[in-house]
């Protein structure tokens, strides 16, 4: 994985608390997450998909750039902005969200592109750092990174530790072999099936809740399976060792449009049974979230945000505006979050 040197800061080390409930199912093949290696390994520079998108997977991205927004830049806390960099963590594990280019070291994808827009708007140099999914909370709390752009969904546990700037609808997709007849809408539809899922993710929380519901009604729960990488997960699915995989909806639709053997068989909001959004994640109370929110809204206004989403085939997940969401306003903004999330409900 690509690593860049972290800046030294005299920030107080915070106690690392659990962001999500502990795993309570057997781990069959290690713990996986959306941040494992997802290089396509083919050496191809572009992939033409059935949805009409041509994905550039080379290190030469020619990213869409944005002009500095002076008002947003002025909101950056001095301690964060004094070195002229915005240090961003991403997990580089799922096409087209964040993944390694064909050189197997350069992080690319819609998440890195949006991070670039934010850095541009704030007048800062983007300093990308690849980390594992389970490590981004610690790195953010310790000050090693200042923001996380990696398909992080807002939930009631995370707002206790982090502040958020929303920027995309948050959905999970169920995928299966094309020959299957699954239609996943709720707990009953996964009863007795083998389902692969990333550890410590919102999708795992959904499956654990559905299993609890099934067991309460005397029905067989799903068997949750964990793999060490996305490549291993998809191999297990395509070979029949698992019946379903649940992952970020953009990644499941990418595979549906670029492979001949898989299809999407269900879609659920990542905040089930409520609604949620994908958001830039920053340390609670450090003052950076409002600046990022303004930067995102500036990018939405000038069209660069829409260009990035269109480039990666994710226009349907666009939100009309970014909002700063904290523990203090989390409950009060649920209705607004639901409205924004529904902007991406088209399948």
Foldseek 3Di string as FASTA:
>chain_A
DAFDDFDDDPDDFDDDDQLDDADDADEDADFFDQQFADEPLPLDQWFQWPVGAIAGQALPDPAQEDAAAVVLLVQADCRQPVVQEAEEEERQAFPQQWHHGSVRHRIHHLLVSLQRLLSNNNRGHYHYGHDHPVCPLSCQSRVSHFKYRYQAKDDLSCLVWKKWKFWWFFKKFKKAWPPDDQADDALVRQFAFEEEEGPSALVVVRLVVSQVVQVVVVTHGYRYYRHHGPVVVVVCRQVVVGGIYMDTPLRQVRCCGRDDTMHTRYMDASHPVAHIGGTMIHTPPPRSNVSSQVSSQVCLVVVSSCVSCVNRVNNLTGFNGIDMDHSVCPVVCRVVRRVRNVSNPDD
